[in-house]
């Protein structure tokens, strides 16, 4: 920080450290409670005034760190931002055998091939394609899971979408983006039934991709195998779905 920036930065008042401490204590208590805790419970446990607890919870909900449980009125649980923070520090590694399978697939097709891992609602790129770099970084994908094939795979696993999106819900990135919740739910049900997800001009106007799930032996979604290219070549991608599924079955043994 230079002298000019430091001079223009707002000074920290005497009350702000206490406010930050309260927010961290409340967030920790929400995490400790697990499936849900009320503001009254937090007040009783932490001896923080009710007005302060409600004000902090409202801010944490607005920012995505805490969510209101739709199935348990008055209860709060951790939001998607906390999962994103936790997963930022841990990046899964891809073994040599898995990388060899990806190289084999890249040699067979003329599209970008990438491998993503999942944790809750967080998507992580763990094997980029050196020849076809991804145009959307992880942060952008995680903010718009509904508009990408790899994001749709994990959304299709969820019975409820209420806790997944930030304020305002899923956003239309292009005219093709499925963003109305009822339509998105039907689209995700189709993804679950057909066993793969597509994105055709929904994330970017000129892009398209197909993603197939990679599951553990117990059936848990652990990763997504993706091919991507220009939207004009989307019809050609369907010819490779069987090859994707075949490689996904092999990768399952190496990743789970």
C-alpha atoms as a PDB file:
ATOM      1  CA  UNK A   1       0.000   0.000   0.000  1.00  0.00           C
ATOM      2  CA  UNK A   2       1.548   3.392  -0.940  1.00  0.00           C
ATOM      3  CA  UNK A   3       1.299   6.574   1.126  1.00  0.00           C
ATOM      4  CA  UNK A   4      -1.509   8.019  -1.002  1.00  0.00           C
ATOM      5  CA  UNK A   5      -3.591   4.844  -0.737  1.00  0.00           C
ATOM      6  CA  UNK A   6      -2.968   4.620   2.994  1.00  0.00           C
ATOM      7  CA  UNK A   7      -4.009   8.233   3.462  1.00  0.00           C
ATOM      8  CA  UNK A   8      -7.241   7.734   1.524  1.00  0.00           C
ATOM      9  CA  UNK A   9      -8.186   4.465   3.286  1.00  0.00           C
ATOM     10  CA  UNK A  10     -10.891   4.813   5.943  1.00  0.00           C
ATOM     11  CA  UNK A  11      -9.574   4.789   9.487  1.00  0.00           C
ATOM     12  CA  UNK A  12     -10.539   1.876  11.722  1.00  0.00           C
ATOM     13  CA  UNK A  13     -12.659   3.111  14.572  1.00  0.00           C
ATOM     14  CA  UNK A  14     -12.474   1.788  18.104  1.00  0.00           C
ATOM     15  CA  UNK A  15     -15.720  -0.134  17.657  1.00  0.00           C
ATOM     16  CA  UNK A  16     -14.794  -1.981  14.479  1.00  0.00           C
ATOM     17  CA  UNK A  17     -12.471  -4.623  16.012  1.00  0.00           C
ATOM     18  CA  UNK A  18     -15.236  -5.621  18.449  1.00  0.00           C
ATOM     19  CA  UNK A  19     -17.737  -5.812  15.586  1.00  0.00           C
ATOM     20  CA  UNK A  20     -15.368  -8.066  13.625  1.00  0.00           C
ATOM     21  CA  UNK A  21     -14.841 -10.246  16.684  1.00  0.00           C
ATOM     22  CA  UNK A  22     -18.591 -10.586  17.163  1.00  0.00           C
ATOM     23  CA  UNK A  23     -19.079 -11.527  13.514  1.00  0.00           C
ATOM     24  CA  UNK A  24     -16.380 -14.201  13.739  1.00  0.00           C
ATOM     25  CA  UNK A  25     -17.784 -15.565  17.001  1.00  0.00           C
ATOM     26  CA  UNK A  26     -21.290 -15.732  15.533  1.00  0.00           C
ATOM     27  CA  UNK A  27     -20.032 -17.403  12.344  1.00  0.00           C
ATOM     28  CA  UNK A  28     -18.098 -19.924  14.451  1.00  0.00           C
ATOM     29  CA  UNK A  29     -21.204 -20.686  16.495  1.00  0.00           C
ATOM     30  CA  UNK A  30     -23.250 -21.243  13.330  1.00  0.00           C
ATOM     31  CA  UNK A  31     -20.578 -23.666  12.142  1.00  0.00           C
ATOM     32  CA  UNK A  32     -20.453 -25.451  15.497  1.00  0.00           C
ATOM     33  CA  UNK A  33     -24.234 -25.901  15.521  1.00  0.00           C
ATOM     34  CA  UNK A  34     -24.099 -27.823  12.257  1.00  0.00           C
ATOM     35  CA  UNK A  35     -27.537 -28.207  10.697  1.00  0.00           C
ATOM     36  CA  UNK A  36     -29.056 -25.035  12.089  1.00  0.00           C
ATOM     37  CA  UNK A  37     -29.149 -22.594  15.005  1.00  0.00           C
ATOM     38  CA  UNK A  38     -31.499 -19.755  15.930  1.00  0.00           C
ATOM     39  CA  UNK A  39     -30.504 -16.193  16.720  1.00  0.00           C
ATOM     40  CA  UNK A  40     -31.886 -16.721  20.219  1.00  0.00           C
ATOM     41  CA  UNK A  41     -29.601 -19.717  20.742  1.00  0.00           C
ATOM     42  CA  UNK A  42     -26.596 -17.678  19.586  1.00  0.00           C
ATOM     43  CA  UNK A  43     -27.532 -14.835  21.957  1.00  0.00           C
ATOM     44  CA  UNK A  44     -27.821 -17.226  24.899  1.00  0.00           C
ATOM     45  CA  UNK A  45     -24.578 -19.065  24.098  1.00  0.00           C
ATOM     46  CA  UNK A  46     -22.356 -16.081  23.325  1.00  0.00           C
ATOM     47  CA  UNK A  47     -23.977 -13.471  25.584  1.00  0.00           C
ATOM     48  CA  UNK A  48     -24.140 -11.016  22.690  1.00  0.00           C
ATOM     49  CA  UNK A  49     -27.127  -8.621  22.633  1.00  0.00           C
ATOM     50  CA  UNK A  50     -29.994  -9.874  20.426  1.00  0.00           C
ATOM     51  CA  UNK A  51     -29.966  -6.736  18.271  1.00  0.00           C
ATOM     52  CA  UNK A  52     -26.274  -7.272  17.512  1.00  0.00           C
ATOM     53  CA  UNK A  53     -26.801 -10.948  16.672  1.00  0.00           C
ATOM     54  CA  UNK A  54     -29.670 -10.189  14.292  1.00  0.00           C
ATOM     55  CA  UNK A  55     -27.738  -7.368  12.621  1.00  0.00           C
ATOM     56  CA  UNK A  56     -24.621  -9.504  12.115  1.00  0.00           C
ATOM     57  CA  UNK A  57     -26.627 -12.503  10.876  1.00  0.00           C
ATOM     58  CA  UNK A  58     -28.404 -10.298   8.346  1.00  0.00           C
ATOM     59  CA  UNK A  59     -25.065  -9.044   7.015  1.00  0.00           C
ATOM     60  CA  UNK A  60     -23.631 -12.571   6.872  1.00  0.00           C
ATOM     61  CA  UNK A  61     -26.719 -13.822   5.013  1.00  0.00           C
ATOM     62  CA  UNK A  62     -26.540 -10.942   2.535  1.00  0.00           C
ATOM     63  CA  UNK A  63     -22.892 -11.755   1.812  1.00  0.00           C
ATOM     64  CA  UNK A  64     -23.440 -15.518   1.455  1.00  0.00           C
ATOM     65  CA  UNK A  65     -21.513 -16.646   4.538  1.00  0.00           C
ATOM     66  CA  UNK A  66     -24.693 -17.735   6.328  1.00  0.00           C
ATOM     67  CA  UNK A  67     -28.051 -18.873   4.974  1.00  0.00           C
ATOM     68  CA  UNK A  68     -31.554 -19.109   6.355  1.00  0.00           C
ATOM     69  CA  UNK A  69     -32.759 -22.710   6.448  1.00  0.00           C
ATOM     70  CA  UNK A  70     -35.937 -22.796   4.301  1.00  0.00           C
ATOM     71  CA  UNK A  71     -36.987 -26.073   5.906  1.00  0.00           C
ATOM     72  CA  UNK A  72     -36.399 -24.823   9.474  1.00  0.00           C
ATOM     73  CA  UNK A  73     -37.832 -21.313   9.919  1.00  0.00           C
ATOM     74  CA  UNK A  74     -35.715 -19.126  12.161  1.00  0.00           C
ATOM     75  CA  UNK A  75     -32.630 -21.326  11.813  1.00  0.00           C
ATOM     76  CA  UNK A  76     -29.319 -20.366  10.246  1.00  0.00           C
ATOM     77  CA  UNK A  77     -26.561 -22.514   8.716  1.00  0.00           C
ATOM     78  CA  UNK A  78     -23.295 -21.939   6.878  1.00  0.00           C
ATOM     79  CA  UNK A  79     -23.567 -20.521   3.350  1.00  0.00           C
ATOM     80  CA  UNK A  80     -21.731 -21.209   0.124  1.00  0.00           C
ATOM     81  CA  UNK A  81     -19.058 -18.565   0.764  1.00  0.00           C
ATOM     82  CA  UNK A  82     -17.714 -20.539   3.729  1.00  0.00           C
ATOM     83  CA  UNK A  83     -17.356 -23.680   1.621  1.00  0.00           C
ATOM     84  CA  UNK A  84     -15.560 -21.662  -1.031  1.00  0.00           C
ATOM     85  CA  UNK A  85     -13.118 -20.305   1.537  1.00  0.00           C
ATOM     86  CA  UNK A  86     -12.429 -23.732   2.988  1.00  0.00           C
ATOM     87  CA  UNK A  87     -11.809 -25.280  -0.392  1.00  0.00           C
ATOM     88  CA  UNK A  88      -9.553 -22.524  -1.673  1.00  0.00           C
ATOM     89  CA  UNK A  89      -6.727 -23.778   0.523  1.00  0.00           C
ATOM     90  CA  UNK A  90      -6.982 -27.363  -0.702  1.00  0.00           C
ATOM     91  CA  UNK A  91      -6.472 -28.294  -4.337  1.00  0.00           C
ATOM     92  CA  UNK A  92      -6.743 -31.991  -5.201  1.00  0.00           C
ATOM     93  CA  UNK A  93      -3.855 -33.521  -7.094  1.00  0.00           C
ATOM     94  CA  UNK A  94      -4.237 -35.625 -10.222  1.00  0.00           C
ATOM     95  CA  UNK A  95      -2.127 -38.761 -10.407  1.00  0.00           C
ATOM     96  CA  UNK A  96       0.015 -39.621 -13.424  1.00  0.00           C
ATOM     97  CA  UNK A  97      -2.324 -42.390 -14.574  1.00  0.00           C
ATOM     98  CA  UNK A  98      -5.272 -39.979 -14.647  1.00  0.00           C
ATOM     99  CA  UNK A  99      -3.262 -37.386 -16.565  1.00  0.00           C
ATOM    100  CA  UNK A 100      -2.310 -40.066 -19.088  1.00  0.00           C
ATOM    101  CA  UNK A 101      -5.987 -40.855 -19.655  1.00  0.00           C
ATOM    102  CA  UNK A 102      -6.711 -37.171 -20.248  1.00  0.00           C
ATOM    103  CA  UNK A 103      -3.836 -36.945 -22.714  1.00  0.00           C
ATOM    104  CA  UNK A 104      -5.193 -39.986 -24.531  1.00  0.00           C
ATOM    105  CA  UNK A 105      -8.608 -38.374 -24.803  1.00  0.00           C
ATOM    106  CA  UNK A 106      -7.114 -35.087 -26.055  1.00  0.00           C
ATOM    107  CA  UNK A 107      -5.305 -36.972 -28.787  1.00  0.00           C
ATOM    108  CA  UNK A 108      -8.584 -38.534 -29.934  1.00  0.00           C
ATOM    109  CA  UNK A 109     -10.756 -35.434 -30.190  1.00  0.00           C
ATOM    110  CA  UNK A 110     -10.323 -31.864 -31.392  1.00  0.00           C
ATOM    111  CA  UNK A 111     -11.868 -30.085 -28.410  1.00  0.00           C
ATOM    112  CA  UNK A 112     -10.552 -28.752 -25.148  1.00  0.00           C
ATOM    113  CA  UNK A 113     -10.521 -31.434 -22.417  1.00  0.00           C
ATOM    114  CA  UNK A 114     -10.513 -30.429 -18.752  1.00  0.00           C
ATOM    115  CA  UNK A 115     -11.075 -32.120 -15.418  1.00  0.00           C
ATOM    116  CA  UNK A 116     -12.853 -30.449 -12.491  1.00  0.00           C
ATOM    117  CA  UNK A 117     -13.316 -31.628  -8.928  1.00  0.00           C
ATOM    118  CA  UNK A 118     -16.261 -30.914  -6.623  1.00  0.00           C
ATOM    119  CA  UNK A 119     -16.707 -30.132  -2.965  1.00  0.00           C
ATOM    120  CA  UNK A 120     -20.253 -29.306  -1.958  1.00  0.00           C
ATOM    121  CA  UNK A 121     -21.069 -26.455  -4.367  1.00  0.00           C
ATOM    122  CA  UNK A 122     -17.491 -25.527  -5.253  1.00  0.00           C
ATOM    123  CA  UNK A 123     -15.945 -26.346  -8.628  1.00  0.00           C
ATOM    124  CA  UNK A 124     -12.145 -26.634  -8.898  1.00  0.00           C
ATOM    125  CA  UNK A 125     -10.142 -26.952 -12.106  1.00  0.00           C
ATOM    126  CA  UNK A 126      -7.586 -29.681 -11.372  1.00  0.00           C
ATOM    127  CA  UNK A 127      -6.418 -30.594 -14.889  1.00  0.00           C
ATOM    128  CA  UNK A 128      -6.485 -27.735 -17.421  1.00  0.00           C
ATOM    129  CA  UNK A 129      -5.958 -28.291 -21.125  1.00  0.00           C
ATOM    130  CA  UNK A 130      -2.577 -26.781 -22.081  1.00  0.00           C
ATOM    131  CA  UNK A 131      -3.645 -26.312 -25.713  1.00  0.00           C
ATOM    132  CA  UNK A 132      -7.133 -24.914 -25.018  1.00  0.00           C
ATOM    133  CA  UNK A 133      -7.007 -22.664 -21.924  1.00  0.00           C
ATOM    134  CA  UNK A 134     -10.278 -22.131 -20.091  1.00  0.00           C
ATOM    135  CA  UNK A 135     -11.764 -18.701 -20.772  1.00  0.00           C
ATOM    136  CA  UNK A 136     -13.710 -18.627 -17.481  1.00  0.00           C
ATOM    137  CA  UNK A 137     -11.804 -18.789 -14.222  1.00  0.00           C
ATOM    138  CA  UNK A 138     -12.955 -20.746 -11.168  1.00  0.00           C
ATOM    139  CA  UNK A 139     -14.433 -17.733  -9.431  1.00  0.00           C
ATOM    140  CA  UNK A 140     -16.608 -16.895 -12.428  1.00  0.00           C
ATOM    141  CA  UNK A 141     -17.775 -20.510 -12.771  1.00  0.00           C
ATOM    142  CA  UNK A 142     -18.614 -20.781  -9.083  1.00  0.00           C
ATOM    143  CA  UNK A 143     -20.615 -17.575  -9.243  1.00  0.00           C
ATOM    144  CA  UNK A 144     -22.605 -18.898 -12.222  1.00  0.00           C
ATOM    145  CA  UNK A 145     -22.864 -22.667 -11.778  1.00  0.00           C
ATOM    146  CA  UNK A 146     -26.234 -22.659 -13.552  1.00  0.00           C
ATOM    147  CA  UNK A 147     -24.637 -21.403 -16.786  1.00  0.00           C
ATOM    148  CA  UNK A 148     -21.904 -24.026 -17.195  1.00  0.00           C
ATOM    149  CA  UNK A 149     -22.066 -27.737 -17.931  1.00  0.00           C
ATOM    150  CA  UNK A 150     -19.704 -28.620 -15.092  1.00  0.00           C
ATOM    151  CA  UNK A 151     -21.760 -26.464 -12.713  1.00  0.00           C
ATOM    152  CA  UNK A 152     -25.045 -28.032 -13.774  1.00  0.00           C
ATOM    153  CA  UNK A 153     -23.753 -31.475 -12.797  1.00  0.00           C
ATOM    154  CA  UNK A 154     -23.381 -30.480  -9.166  1.00  0.00           C
ATOM    155  CA  UNK A 155     -26.613 -28.455  -9.095  1.00  0.00           C
ATOM    156  CA  UNK A 156     -28.478 -31.483 -10.440  1.00  0.00           C
ATOM    157  CA  UNK A 157     -27.407 -33.380  -7.300  1.00  0.00           C
ATOM    158  CA  UNK A 158     -29.301 -30.976  -5.065  1.00  0.00           C
ATOM    159  CA  UNK A 159     -32.969 -31.254  -4.207  1.00  0.00           C
ATOM    160  CA  UNK A 160     -33.131 -27.568  -3.266  1.00  0.00           C
ATOM    161  CA  UNK A 161     -31.350 -24.631  -4.877  1.00  0.00           C
ATOM    162  CA  UNK A 162     -32.231 -21.978  -2.285  1.00  0.00           C
ATOM    163  CA  UNK A 163     -28.849 -22.022  -0.544  1.00  0.00           C
ATOM    164  CA  UNK A 164     -26.760 -22.207  -3.721  1.00  0.00           C
ATOM    165  CA  UNK A 165     -27.200 -18.769  -5.229  1.00  0.00           C
ATOM    166  CA  UNK A 166     -26.300 -15.346  -3.959  1.00  0.00           C
ATOM    167  CA  UNK A 167     -28.827 -12.562  -3.589  1.00  0.00           C
ATOM    168  CA  UNK A 168     -30.991 -12.199  -6.662  1.00  0.00           C
ATOM    169  CA  UNK A 169     -30.720 -15.857  -7.656  1.00  0.00           C
ATOM    170  CA  UNK A 170     -29.240 -17.211 -10.900  1.00  0.00           C
ATOM    171  CA  UNK A 171     -28.339 -14.442 -13.316  1.00  0.00           C
ATOM    172  CA  UNK A 172     -28.791 -14.401 -17.121  1.00  0.00           C
ATOM    173  CA  UNK A 173     -25.335 -14.087 -18.663  1.00  0.00           C
ATOM    174  CA  UNK A 174     -26.600 -14.373 -22.248  1.00  0.00           C
ATOM    175  CA  UNK A 175     -30.018 -14.614 -23.884  1.00  0.00           C
ATOM    176  CA  UNK A 176     -29.671 -18.430 -23.745  1.00  0.00           C
ATOM    177  CA  UNK A 177     -28.919 -18.714 -20.020  1.00  0.00           C
ATOM    178  CA  UNK A 178     -31.530 -20.737 -18.141  1.00  0.00           C
ATOM    179  CA  UNK A 179     -32.084 -18.566 -15.065  1.00  0.00           C
ATOM    180  CA  UNK A 180     -35.763 -18.775 -14.112  1.00  0.00           C
ATOM    181  CA  UNK A 181     -35.787 -21.118 -11.123  1.00  0.00           C
ATOM    182  CA  UNK A 182     -38.668 -23.304 -12.306  1.00  0.00           C
ATOM    183  CA  UNK A 183     -37.125 -23.729 -15.753  1.00  0.00           C
ATOM    184  CA  UNK A 184     -33.699 -24.344 -14.243  1.00  0.00           C
ATOM    185  CA  UNK A 185     -35.111 -27.048 -11.977  1.00  0.00           C
ATOM    186  CA  UNK A 186     -36.639 -28.841 -14.975  1.00  0.00           C
ATOM    187  CA  UNK A 187     -33.372 -28.475 -16.878  1.00  0.00           C
ATOM    188  CA  UNK A 188     -31.390 -29.931 -13.968  1.00  0.00           C
ATOM    189  CA  UNK A 189     -33.814 -32.846 -13.659  1.00  0.00           C
ATOM    190  CA  UNK A 190     -33.089 -33.602 -17.320  1.00  0.00           C
ATOM    191  CA  UNK A 191     -29.353 -33.446 -16.610  1.00  0.00           C
ATOM    192  CA  UNK A 192     -29.777 -35.952 -13.800  1.00  0.00           C
ATOM    193  CA  UNK A 193     -31.868 -38.285 -15.949  1.00  0.00           C
ATOM    194  CA  UNK A 194     -29.628 -38.246 -19.035  1.00  0.00           C
ATOM    195  CA  UNK A 195     -26.370 -38.470 -17.112  1.00  0.00           C
ATOM    196  CA  UNK A 196     -24.555 -35.534 -18.713  1.00  0.00           C
ATOM    197  CA  UNK A 197     -24.827 -31.747 -18.895  1.00  0.00           C
ATOM    198  CA  UNK A 198     -24.486 -29.279 -21.740  1.00  0.00           C
ATOM    199  CA  UNK A 199     -23.887 -25.569 -22.112  1.00  0.00           C
ATOM    200  CA  UNK A 200     -24.713 -23.917 -25.436  1.00  0.00           C
ATOM    201  CA  UNK A 201     -24.069 -20.180 -25.486  1.00  0.00           C
ATOM    202  CA  UNK A 202     -25.241 -19.840 -21.880  1.00  0.00           C
ATOM    203  CA  UNK A 203     -21.945 -18.918 -20.242  1.00  0.00           C
ATOM    204  CA  UNK A 204     -20.578 -17.023 -23.224  1.00  0.00           C
ATOM    205  CA  UNK A 205     -22.326 -16.407 -26.528  1.00  0.00           C
ATOM    206  CA  UNK A 206     -19.745 -18.266 -28.616  1.00  0.00           C
ATOM    207  CA  UNK A 207     -18.936 -21.186 -26.307  1.00  0.00           C
ATOM    208  CA  UNK A 208     -20.314 -24.683 -25.840  1.00  0.00           C
ATOM    209  CA  UNK A 209     -19.361 -27.682 -23.732  1.00  0.00           C
ATOM    210  CA  UNK A 210     -20.438 -31.124 -22.577  1.00  0.00           C
ATOM    211  CA  UNK A 211     -19.676 -32.569 -19.151  1.00  0.00           C
ATOM    212  CA  UNK A 212     -20.084 -36.078 -17.759  1.00  0.00           C
ATOM    213  CA  UNK A 213     -19.973 -36.958 -14.062  1.00  0.00           C
ATOM    214  CA  UNK A 214     -17.271 -38.970 -12.349  1.00  0.00           C
ATOM    215  CA  UNK A 215     -18.541 -40.771  -9.279  1.00  0.00           C
ATOM    216  CA  UNK A 216     -17.009 -42.680  -6.409  1.00  0.00           C
ATOM    217  CA  UNK A 217     -17.806 -46.329  -5.767  1.00  0.00           C
ATOM    218  CA  UNK A 218     -20.536 -45.116  -3.411  1.00  0.00           C
ATOM    219  CA  UNK A 219     -22.090 -42.999  -6.165  1.00  0.00           C
ATOM    220  CA  UNK A 220     -20.940 -39.630  -4.844  1.00  0.00           C
ATOM    221  CA  UNK A 221     -20.157 -36.996  -7.466  1.00  0.00           C
ATOM    222  CA  UNK A 222     -16.422 -36.271  -7.144  1.00  0.00           C
ATOM    223  CA  UNK A 223     -15.439 -34.746 -10.483  1.00  0.00           C
ATOM    224  CA  UNK A 224     -16.601 -33.671 -13.927  1.00  0.00           C
ATOM    225  CA  UNK A 225     -14.953 -34.423 -17.256  1.00  0.00           C
ATOM    226  CA  UNK A 226     -15.534 -31.613 -19.760  1.00  0.00           C
ATOM    227  CA  UNK A 227     -14.990 -31.020 -23.450  1.00  0.00           C
ATOM    228  CA  UNK A 228     -15.451 -27.521 -24.815  1.00  0.00           C
ATOM    229  CA  UNK A 229     -15.265 -25.624 -28.063  1.00  0.00           C
ATOM    230  CA  UNK A 230     -16.969 -23.087 -30.289  1.00  0.00           C
ATOM    231  CA  UNK A 231     -20.754 -23.077 -30.305  1.00  0.00           C
ATOM    232  CA  UNK A 232     -20.776 -23.810 -34.052  1.00  0.00           C
ATOM    233  CA  UNK A 233     -19.209 -27.203 -33.337  1.00  0.00           C
ATOM    234  CA  UNK A 234     -21.572 -28.191 -30.543  1.00  0.00           C
ATOM    235  CA  UNK A 235     -23.311 -30.843 -32.657  1.00  0.00           C
ATOM    236  CA  UNK A 236     -19.963 -32.619 -33.087  1.00  0.00           C
ATOM    237  CA  UNK A 237     -19.453 -32.890 -29.341  1.00  0.00           C
ATOM    238  CA  UNK A 238     -22.304 -35.372 -29.026  1.00  0.00           C
ATOM    239  CA  UNK A 239     -20.291 -37.910 -30.996  1.00  0.00           C
ATOM    240  CA  UNK A 240     -17.837 -38.029 -28.078  1.00  0.00           C
ATOM    241  CA  UNK A 241     -20.254 -38.599 -25.183  1.00  0.00           C
ATOM    242  CA  UNK A 242     -19.617 -42.363 -25.148  1.00  0.00           C
ATOM    243  CA  UNK A 243     -15.854 -41.756 -25.147  1.00  0.00           C
ATOM    244  CA  UNK A 244     -16.268 -39.303 -22.277  1.00  0.00           C
ATOM    245  CA  UNK A 245     -18.295 -41.779 -20.270  1.00  0.00           C
ATOM    246  CA  UNK A 246     -15.747 -44.497 -20.902  1.00  0.00           C
ATOM    247  CA  UNK A 247     -12.877 -42.331 -19.691  1.00  0.00           C
ATOM    248  CA  UNK A 248     -14.971 -41.122 -16.750  1.00  0.00           C
ATOM    249  CA  UNK A 249     -15.400 -44.740 -15.635  1.00  0.00           C
ATOM    250  CA  UNK A 250     -11.618 -45.231 -15.699  1.00  0.00           C
ATOM    251  CA  UNK A 251     -10.986 -41.914 -13.939  1.00  0.00           C
ATOM    252  CA  UNK A 252     -13.430 -42.867 -11.218  1.00  0.00           C
ATOM    253  CA  UNK A 253     -11.077 -45.601 -10.074  1.00  0.00           C
ATOM    254  CA  UNK A 254      -8.189 -43.115  -9.910  1.00  0.00           C
ATOM    255  CA  UNK A 255      -9.921 -40.139  -8.295  1.00  0.00           C
ATOM    256  CA  UNK A 256     -12.240 -41.643  -5.683  1.00  0.00           C
END
